[in-house]
N, C-alpha and C. Protein backbone atom coordinates (compact mmCIF):
# COMPACT_ATOMS: atom_id res chain seq x y z
N UNK A 1 -164.03 -50.37 -147.71
CA UNK A 1 -163.34 -51.55 -148.31
C UNK A 1 -163.86 -51.15 -149.82
N UNK A 2 -162.80 -51.23 -150.94
CA UNK A 2 -162.75 -51.57 -151.90
C UNK A 2 -163.63 -53.06 -152.73
N UNK A 3 -164.24 -52.36 -153.78
CA UNK A 3 -165.44 -53.15 -153.92
C UNK A 3 -165.45 -53.02 -155.92
N UNK A 4 -165.82 -54.26 -156.43
CA UNK A 4 -165.90 -54.45 -157.53
C UNK A 4 -167.47 -54.20 -157.76
N UNK A 5 -168.13 -52.78 -158.48
CA UNK A 5 -169.46 -53.10 -158.40
C UNK A 5 -169.97 -53.49 -160.24
N UNK A 6 -170.51 -55.05 -160.22
CA UNK A 6 -170.50 -55.43 -161.51
C UNK A 6 -171.98 -54.69 -161.87
N UNK A 7 -172.46 -54.35 -163.39
CA UNK A 7 -173.61 -53.96 -163.54
C UNK A 7 -174.40 -53.88 -164.88
N UNK A 8 -175.60 -53.88 -165.23
CA UNK A 8 -175.88 -53.99 -166.51
C UNK A 8 -175.78 -52.44 -167.08
N UNK A 9 -175.54 -52.25 -168.86
CA UNK A 9 -174.99 -51.15 -169.52
C UNK A 9 -176.62 -50.54 -169.76
N UNK A 10 -176.49 -49.25 -170.43
CA UNK A 10 -178.10 -49.00 -171.13
C UNK A 10 -178.31 -49.89 -172.05
N UNK A 11 -177.47 -50.49 -172.96
CA UNK A 11 -177.85 -51.35 -174.03
C UNK A 11 -178.10 -53.15 -173.36
N UNK A 12 -178.04 -53.56 -172.22
CA UNK A 12 -178.47 -54.64 -171.71
C UNK A 12 -176.95 -55.65 -171.56
N UNK A 13 -175.83 -54.83 -171.87
CA UNK A 13 -174.57 -55.58 -171.51
C UNK A 13 -174.55 -55.67 -170.01
N UNK A 14 -173.23 -55.95 -170.10
CA UNK A 14 -172.52 -56.10 -168.83
C UNK A 14 -171.33 -55.26 -168.33
N UNK A 15 -170.95 -55.00 -166.88
CA UNK A 15 -169.80 -54.29 -167.39
C UNK A 15 -169.36 -53.85 -165.56
N UNK A 16 -168.11 -53.90 -165.65
CA UNK A 16 -167.46 -53.14 -163.80
C UNK A 16 -166.86 -52.37 -163.26
N UNK A 17 -167.00 -51.69 -162.52
CA UNK A 17 -166.37 -50.65 -161.75
C UNK A 17 -165.33 -50.94 -160.66
N UNK A 18 -163.94 -50.67 -160.36
CA UNK A 18 -163.58 -51.01 -158.94
C UNK A 18 -163.55 -49.80 -158.01
N UNK A 19 -164.19 -49.61 -157.36
CA UNK A 19 -164.03 -48.85 -156.48
C UNK A 19 -163.21 -48.99 -155.03
N UNK A 20 -162.90 -47.59 -155.40
CA UNK A 20 -161.47 -47.77 -153.93
C UNK A 20 -162.30 -47.49 -152.36
N UNK A 21 -161.61 -47.48 -151.80
CA UNK A 21 -162.11 -47.60 -150.56
C UNK A 21 -162.97 -45.85 -150.25
N UNK A 22 -162.78 -45.14 -150.85
CA UNK A 22 -163.21 -43.99 -150.57
C UNK A 22 -164.39 -43.81 -151.69
N UNK A 23 -164.73 -44.66 -152.46
CA UNK A 23 -165.87 -44.84 -153.20
C UNK A 23 -165.77 -44.11 -154.80
N UNK A 24 -164.82 -43.80 -154.74
CA UNK A 24 -163.94 -42.98 -156.14
C UNK A 24 -163.82 -44.47 -157.62
N UNK A 25 -164.02 -44.15 -158.37
CA UNK A 25 -163.77 -45.25 -159.72
C UNK A 25 -162.03 -45.51 -159.97
N UNK A 26 -161.96 -46.38 -159.78
CA UNK A 26 -160.14 -46.19 -160.55
C UNK A 26 -160.22 -46.94 -161.71
N UNK A 27 -161.17 -48.17 -161.34
CA UNK A 27 -160.88 -48.75 -162.65
C UNK A 27 -162.04 -49.01 -163.39
N UNK A 28 -162.36 -49.28 -164.88
CA UNK A 28 -163.36 -49.40 -165.55
C UNK A 28 -163.36 -50.17 -166.63
N UNK A 29 -164.59 -51.30 -166.82
CA UNK A 29 -163.91 -52.58 -167.54
C UNK A 29 -164.78 -51.96 -168.90
N UNK A 30 -164.43 -52.50 -169.77
CA UNK A 30 -165.30 -52.63 -171.39
C UNK A 30 -166.10 -53.01 -170.94
N UNK A 31 -167.16 -53.04 -172.05
CA UNK A 31 -168.54 -54.19 -171.73
C UNK A 31 -168.29 -55.37 -172.40
N UNK A 32 -169.27 -56.05 -171.64
CA UNK A 32 -169.60 -57.39 -172.35
C UNK A 32 -171.03 -57.69 -172.41
N UNK A 33 -171.22 -58.66 -173.09
CA UNK A 33 -172.56 -59.37 -173.99
C UNK A 33 -172.85 -59.87 -172.70
N UNK A 34 -172.31 -60.67 -172.42
CA UNK A 34 -172.82 -61.86 -171.11
C UNK A 34 -172.45 -61.49 -169.23
N UNK A 35 -173.23 -61.70 -168.37
CA UNK A 35 -173.04 -61.23 -167.69
C UNK A 35 -171.52 -61.99 -166.73
N UNK A 36 -171.70 -63.66 -167.23
CA UNK A 36 -170.64 -64.53 -167.09
C UNK A 36 -169.37 -63.79 -167.48
N UNK A 37 -169.00 -63.04 -168.93
CA UNK A 37 -168.33 -62.18 -169.20
C UNK A 37 -167.42 -61.33 -168.50
N UNK A 38 -168.59 -60.69 -167.98
CA UNK A 38 -167.88 -59.44 -166.85
C UNK A 38 -167.11 -60.22 -165.66
N UNK A 39 -167.99 -60.91 -164.93
CA UNK A 39 -167.66 -61.71 -163.93
C UNK A 39 -165.91 -62.38 -164.17
N UNK A 40 -165.61 -62.74 -165.19
CA UNK A 40 -164.89 -63.37 -165.68
C UNK A 40 -163.51 -62.14 -165.57
N UNK A 41 -163.86 -60.83 -166.26
CA UNK A 41 -162.94 -59.63 -166.23
C UNK A 41 -162.65 -59.05 -164.88
N UNK A 42 -163.76 -59.31 -163.88
CA UNK A 42 -163.63 -59.48 -162.64
C UNK A 42 -162.30 -60.02 -162.09
N UNK A 43 -162.16 -61.68 -162.56
CA UNK A 43 -161.30 -62.31 -162.06
C UNK A 43 -160.02 -61.61 -162.64
N UNK A 44 -160.28 -61.70 -164.01
CA UNK A 44 -158.92 -61.34 -164.46
C UNK A 44 -157.90 -60.03 -164.28
N UNK A 45 -159.27 -59.61 -163.82
CA UNK A 45 -158.57 -58.12 -163.05
C UNK A 45 -157.76 -58.10 -161.59
N UNK A 46 -158.45 -59.47 -160.59
CA UNK A 46 -158.15 -59.69 -159.39
C UNK A 46 -156.96 -60.09 -159.96
N UNK A 47 -156.69 -61.02 -160.74
CA UNK A 47 -155.60 -62.11 -160.97
C UNK A 47 -154.04 -61.00 -161.68
N UNK A 48 -154.32 -60.04 -162.60
CA UNK A 48 -153.41 -59.56 -163.16
C UNK A 48 -153.23 -58.30 -162.47
N UNK A 49 -153.72 -57.67 -161.43
CA UNK A 49 -153.68 -56.28 -160.73
C UNK A 49 -152.11 -56.54 -160.44
N UNK A 50 -151.85 -57.03 -159.61
CA UNK A 50 -150.60 -56.81 -158.60
C UNK A 50 -149.31 -57.29 -159.61
N UNK A 51 -149.55 -57.21 -161.33
CA UNK A 51 -148.62 -57.20 -161.99
C UNK A 51 -148.23 -55.99 -162.89
N UNK A 52 -147.43 -55.76 -162.06
CA UNK A 52 -146.49 -54.15 -162.92
C UNK A 52 -146.43 -53.87 -164.75
N UNK A 53 -146.22 -55.23 -165.07
CA UNK A 53 -146.48 -55.33 -166.07
C UNK A 53 -147.33 -55.43 -167.01
N UNK A 54 -148.22 -55.56 -166.35
CA UNK A 54 -149.95 -55.54 -166.97
C UNK A 54 -150.26 -54.30 -167.14
N UNK A 55 -149.57 -53.33 -166.94
CA UNK A 55 -150.24 -51.59 -167.02
C UNK A 55 -149.83 -50.69 -168.60
N UNK A 56 -150.42 -50.77 -169.46
CA UNK A 56 -150.12 -49.49 -170.16
C UNK A 56 -150.25 -48.46 -169.51
N UNK A 57 -149.25 -47.66 -169.30
CA UNK A 57 -148.79 -45.90 -169.43
C UNK A 57 -149.58 -45.51 -170.15
N UNK A 58 -149.98 -44.32 -170.69
CA UNK A 58 -150.75 -43.87 -171.68
C UNK A 58 -150.95 -42.66 -171.52
N UNK A 59 -150.92 -41.27 -172.36
CA UNK A 59 -151.13 -39.71 -172.45
C UNK A 59 -152.21 -40.00 -173.54
N UNK A 60 -152.68 -38.70 -172.96
CA UNK A 60 -154.24 -38.14 -174.26
C UNK A 60 -154.29 -36.67 -173.93
N UNK A 61 -153.14 -36.43 -175.07
CA UNK A 61 -153.44 -34.61 -174.55
C UNK A 61 -152.33 -34.13 -173.27
N UNK A 62 -152.95 -33.44 -172.62
CA UNK A 62 -152.19 -33.07 -171.29
C UNK A 62 -152.13 -33.87 -169.88
N UNK A 63 -153.20 -35.20 -170.41
CA UNK A 63 -153.62 -36.25 -169.33
C UNK A 63 -153.02 -38.02 -169.28
N UNK A 64 -152.18 -37.91 -168.41
CA UNK A 64 -152.11 -39.79 -168.26
C UNK A 64 -153.54 -40.98 -167.88
N UNK A 65 -153.31 -41.84 -167.92
CA UNK A 65 -153.66 -42.87 -167.99
C UNK A 65 -153.71 -43.80 -167.97
N UNK A 66 -153.90 -45.19 -167.50
CA UNK A 66 -153.52 -46.41 -167.42
C UNK A 66 -154.37 -47.06 -168.29
N UNK A 67 -154.12 -48.49 -168.47
CA UNK A 67 -154.80 -49.38 -169.20
C UNK A 67 -154.75 -50.62 -168.33
N UNK A 68 -154.86 -51.71 -168.13
CA UNK A 68 -155.06 -53.03 -167.39
C UNK A 68 -155.22 -54.50 -168.19
N UNK A 69 -154.00 -54.99 -168.57
CA UNK A 69 -154.71 -56.25 -169.64
C UNK A 69 -154.14 -57.39 -169.23
N UNK A 70 -155.13 -58.30 -169.57
CA UNK A 70 -154.85 -59.40 -169.26
C UNK A 70 -153.55 -60.27 -169.43
N UNK A 71 -153.49 -61.43 -168.97
CA UNK A 71 -152.76 -62.31 -169.62
C UNK A 71 -152.71 -62.73 -171.53
N UNK A 72 -154.07 -62.65 -172.29
CA UNK A 72 -153.95 -62.58 -173.69
C UNK A 72 -153.68 -61.38 -174.09
N UNK A 73 -153.44 -60.32 -172.71
CA UNK A 73 -153.55 -59.45 -173.70
C UNK A 73 -154.50 -58.10 -174.04
N UNK A 74 -155.30 -58.80 -173.61
CA UNK A 74 -157.32 -58.35 -174.17
C UNK A 74 -157.17 -57.46 -172.60
N UNK A 75 -157.87 -55.80 -172.81
CA UNK A 75 -157.72 -55.14 -172.11
C UNK A 75 -158.69 -55.72 -171.03
N UNK A 76 -158.53 -55.31 -169.86
CA UNK A 76 -159.39 -55.77 -168.71
C UNK A 76 -159.66 -54.85 -168.30
N UNK A 77 -159.39 -53.36 -168.37
CA UNK A 77 -160.47 -52.04 -167.58
C UNK A 77 -159.40 -51.04 -167.98
N UNK A 78 -159.99 -49.75 -167.88
CA UNK A 78 -159.07 -48.11 -167.93
C UNK A 78 -159.38 -47.80 -166.76
N UNK A 79 -158.22 -46.59 -166.58
CA UNK A 79 -158.16 -46.02 -165.50
C UNK A 79 -159.02 -44.29 -166.08
N UNK A 80 -159.13 -43.73 -164.81
CA UNK A 80 -159.99 -42.30 -165.60
C UNK A 80 -158.70 -41.45 -166.09
N UNK A 81 -158.98 -40.23 -166.20
CA UNK A 81 -157.31 -38.92 -166.24
C UNK A 81 -157.06 -38.59 -165.46
N UNK A 82 -155.78 -39.06 -165.82
CA UNK A 82 -155.29 -37.75 -164.96
C UNK A 82 -154.91 -36.67 -164.84
N UNK A 83 -154.07 -35.79 -163.89
CA UNK A 83 -154.18 -34.29 -164.24
C UNK A 83 -152.33 -34.23 -164.60
N UNK A 84 -151.30 -35.82 -163.77
CA UNK A 84 -150.60 -35.82 -163.90
C UNK A 84 -150.06 -37.48 -163.51
N UNK A 85 -148.61 -37.24 -164.14
CA UNK A 85 -148.27 -38.75 -164.19
C UNK A 85 -148.00 -39.36 -162.97
N UNK A 86 -147.92 -38.09 -161.75
CA UNK A 86 -147.69 -38.78 -160.49
C UNK A 86 -149.01 -39.25 -159.73
N UNK A 87 -150.03 -38.95 -160.52
CA UNK A 87 -151.52 -39.07 -160.04
C UNK A 87 -152.11 -40.26 -160.75
N UNK A 88 -151.21 -40.58 -161.82
CA UNK A 88 -151.69 -41.63 -162.55
C UNK A 88 -150.82 -43.01 -161.80
N UNK A 89 -149.57 -42.93 -161.28
CA UNK A 89 -148.83 -43.46 -160.49
C UNK A 89 -150.14 -44.08 -159.44
N UNK A 90 -150.40 -43.57 -158.77
CA UNK A 90 -151.17 -43.65 -157.36
C UNK A 90 -152.15 -44.00 -157.99
N UNK A 91 -152.77 -44.03 -158.89
CA UNK A 91 -154.47 -44.99 -159.17
C UNK A 91 -153.33 -46.32 -159.88
N UNK A 92 -152.43 -46.70 -160.23
CA UNK A 92 -151.90 -47.50 -160.15
C UNK A 92 -151.38 -48.73 -158.96
N UNK A 93 -150.78 -48.11 -158.16
CA UNK A 93 -150.76 -48.62 -156.88
C UNK A 93 -152.04 -48.83 -156.36
N UNK A 94 -153.11 -48.24 -156.04
CA UNK A 94 -154.19 -48.26 -155.75
C UNK A 94 -154.79 -49.30 -156.33
N UNK A 95 -154.91 -49.53 -157.68
CA UNK A 95 -155.43 -51.11 -158.27
C UNK A 95 -154.91 -52.23 -157.72
N UNK A 96 -153.53 -52.13 -158.04
CA UNK A 96 -152.40 -52.88 -157.33
C UNK A 96 -152.67 -53.74 -155.88
N UNK A 97 -153.08 -52.46 -155.48
CA UNK A 97 -153.34 -52.88 -153.30
C UNK A 97 -154.61 -53.67 -153.42
N UNK A 98 -155.95 -52.89 -154.09
CA UNK A 98 -156.84 -53.14 -153.96
C UNK A 98 -157.62 -54.71 -154.74
N UNK A 99 -157.24 -54.28 -156.04
CA UNK A 99 -158.07 -55.35 -156.84
C UNK A 99 -158.37 -57.12 -155.95
N UNK A 100 -156.78 -57.19 -156.12
CA UNK A 100 -156.96 -58.46 -155.15
C UNK A 100 -158.07 -59.44 -154.55
N UNK A 101 -158.32 -58.15 -153.90
CA UNK A 101 -159.01 -58.91 -152.71
C UNK A 101 -160.51 -58.14 -152.84
N UNK A 102 -160.68 -57.25 -153.31
CA UNK A 102 -162.12 -56.26 -153.64
C UNK A 102 -163.09 -57.27 -153.66
N UNK A 103 -164.02 -56.91 -152.78
CA UNK A 103 -165.54 -58.04 -152.98
C UNK A 103 -165.94 -57.39 -154.33
N UNK A 104 -167.14 -58.13 -154.56
CA UNK A 104 -167.84 -58.24 -155.77
C UNK A 104 -169.39 -57.68 -155.47
N UNK A 105 -169.79 -56.61 -155.84
CA UNK A 105 -171.52 -56.55 -155.43
C UNK A 105 -172.23 -56.19 -156.75
N UNK A 106 -172.85 -57.57 -157.19
CA UNK A 106 -173.89 -57.79 -158.27
C UNK A 106 -174.87 -56.37 -158.00
N UNK A 107 -174.72 -55.91 -158.81
CA UNK A 107 -176.07 -54.66 -159.25
C UNK A 107 -177.15 -54.96 -160.61
N UNK A 108 -176.66 -56.05 -160.74
CA UNK A 108 -177.77 -56.66 -161.55
C UNK A 108 -178.87 -56.77 -161.60
């Protein structure tokens, strides 16, 4: 089952990863100063994930990746780098499907 892993960073801030059913990370958040901010980011990811217009599809060199944005246009999370656009689209589909109902594992 997919889940959000909420954790503390090495500099005592907070962030989350969305893990797919197979445990692979499919979305990584920015860092937040507070735990409450990171929890709000998870809520935003759950809310915005189903909406295709919230995804910016990008390339970096020969690799593709996507950014999920909230309604305020702020970055909610970024994907890993993919070797093909089709693999990136599969990642978008996974986030759309998994994020809205993913449980939260608080590792702080």
